[in-house]
Structures are given as C-alpha cells and as structure tokens.
Amino acid sequence: MAKRCRFVFNRKAFSQQVLKNETLRSRMRDSANEAVTDSRCMVRDHDGKNRSGVAIICPAPVEKAHGTLEDTLGRMHV
C-alpha cells in the first residue's frame, strides 16, 4: 500500500506566483483572444480577490446551437 504524501504550500507565495501572476494572465488573455472566432463571444479579464484569469463569455443559445465555447477551449494553447 502506498504511503500518504503531504504537501505544504506557502499560501501567500502561491497566490503571488501562480494565482495572481500577470505573465500567466497575459498568456491566457492572448490565447483566448486568438481562439475566439465568433463575434458573438467576448473575452474579459477577471482580476479577483483570490485569483486572476480570463473569462470567455458566449450567449447560451449560441453555445447550444454551435458549441462555440467548446471549440474555443479546444483551440486555446497556454
């Protein structure tokens, strides 16, 4: 039987280096902008209290009819 492992993260450092990292955020933003091909969808930056990122917003009827978000996520490379 495998032994259990325990990982200890420095929360403040992890937040600064990964969750709030501007370089990663800009890469995600650029990749999302390149991947979105439907003019009815938009890319929005998200700068939250705990983490930063990019949101891809698409109307539900468009997603249901065309699978736009699924296609967009498939084209993203970070």
Protein backbone atom coordinates (compact mmCIF):
# COMPACT_ATOMS: atom_id res chain seq x y z
CA MET A 1 0.00 0.00 0.00
CA ALA A 2 1.34 3.43 -0.93
CA LYS A 3 2.25 5.85 1.80
CA ARG A 4 0.41 9.13 2.06
CA CYS A 5 2.13 12.31 1.00
CA ARG A 6 1.63 15.71 2.47
CA PHE A 7 2.21 18.91 0.54
CA VAL A 8 2.56 22.22 2.32
CA PHE A 9 2.12 25.39 0.29
CA ASN A 10 3.10 28.85 1.27
CA ARG A 11 -0.31 30.38 0.51
CA LYS A 12 0.92 33.94 0.03
CA ALA A 13 3.75 32.91 -2.29
CA PHE A 14 1.46 30.57 -4.26
CA SER A 15 -1.08 33.36 -4.65
CA GLN A 16 1.53 35.83 -5.86
CA GLN A 17 3.46 33.44 -8.13
CA VAL A 18 0.63 31.42 -9.65
CA LEU A 19 -2.87 32.73 -9.00
CA LYS A 20 -2.11 36.44 -9.47
CA ASN A 21 0.76 36.12 -11.96
CA GLU A 22 0.48 38.80 -14.67
CA THR A 23 2.61 36.85 -17.16
CA LEU A 24 0.30 33.83 -17.00
CA ARG A 25 -2.72 36.10 -17.19
CA SER A 26 -1.43 37.86 -20.30
CA ARG A 27 -0.67 34.49 -21.94
CA MET A 28 -4.21 33.30 -21.18
CA ARG A 29 -5.66 36.58 -22.49
CA ASP A 30 -3.67 36.37 -25.74
CA SER A 31 -4.54 32.71 -26.25
CA ALA A 32 -8.25 33.35 -25.60
CA ASN A 33 -8.31 36.30 -27.99
CA GLU A 34 -6.76 34.16 -30.73
CA ALA A 35 -9.11 31.24 -30.05
CA VAL A 36 -12.38 33.20 -30.08
CA THR A 37 -13.57 33.31 -33.68
CA ASP A 38 -17.28 34.01 -33.16
CA SER A 39 -18.08 37.73 -32.95
CA ARG A 40 -20.95 36.98 -30.54
CA CYS A 41 -18.49 35.82 -27.87
CA MET A 42 -16.18 38.04 -25.87
CA VAL A 43 -13.06 37.72 -23.73
CA ARG A 44 -12.97 39.51 -20.39
CA ASP A 45 -10.18 39.84 -17.83
CA HIS A 46 -11.02 38.70 -14.34
CA ASP A 47 -8.98 40.19 -11.52
CA GLY A 48 -10.49 38.76 -8.37
CA LYS A 49 -9.50 38.89 -4.74
CA ASN A 50 -8.01 35.39 -4.71
CA ARG A 51 -7.01 34.79 -8.32
CA SER A 52 -6.82 36.36 -11.74
CA GLY A 53 -7.76 34.93 -15.09
CA VAL A 54 -9.71 35.32 -18.28
CA ALA A 55 -13.41 34.69 -18.84
CA ILE A 56 -14.83 33.73 -22.23
CA ILE A 57 -18.46 34.77 -22.42
CA CYS A 58 -20.85 33.39 -25.01
CA PRO A 59 -24.67 33.58 -25.11
CA ALA A 60 -26.33 30.27 -24.18
CA PRO A 61 -28.34 29.93 -27.43
CA VAL A 62 -25.17 30.37 -29.50
CA GLU A 63 -23.31 27.79 -27.42
CA LYS A 64 -26.20 25.36 -27.61
CA ALA A 65 -26.56 25.68 -31.38
CA HIS A 66 -22.88 25.84 -32.39
CA GLY A 67 -20.74 24.60 -29.47
CA THR A 68 -18.70 27.79 -29.65
CA LEU A 69 -17.17 27.62 -26.17
CA GLU A 70 -16.13 24.01 -26.60
CA ASP A 71 -14.45 24.85 -29.91
CA THR A 72 -12.77 27.90 -28.39
CA LEU A 73 -11.36 25.95 -25.45
CA GLY A 74 -10.11 23.30 -27.85
CA ARG A 75 -8.12 25.94 -29.75
CA MET A 76 -6.51 27.53 -26.69
CA HIS A 77 -2.80 26.92 -26.07
CA VAL A 78 -1.20 28.46 -22.98
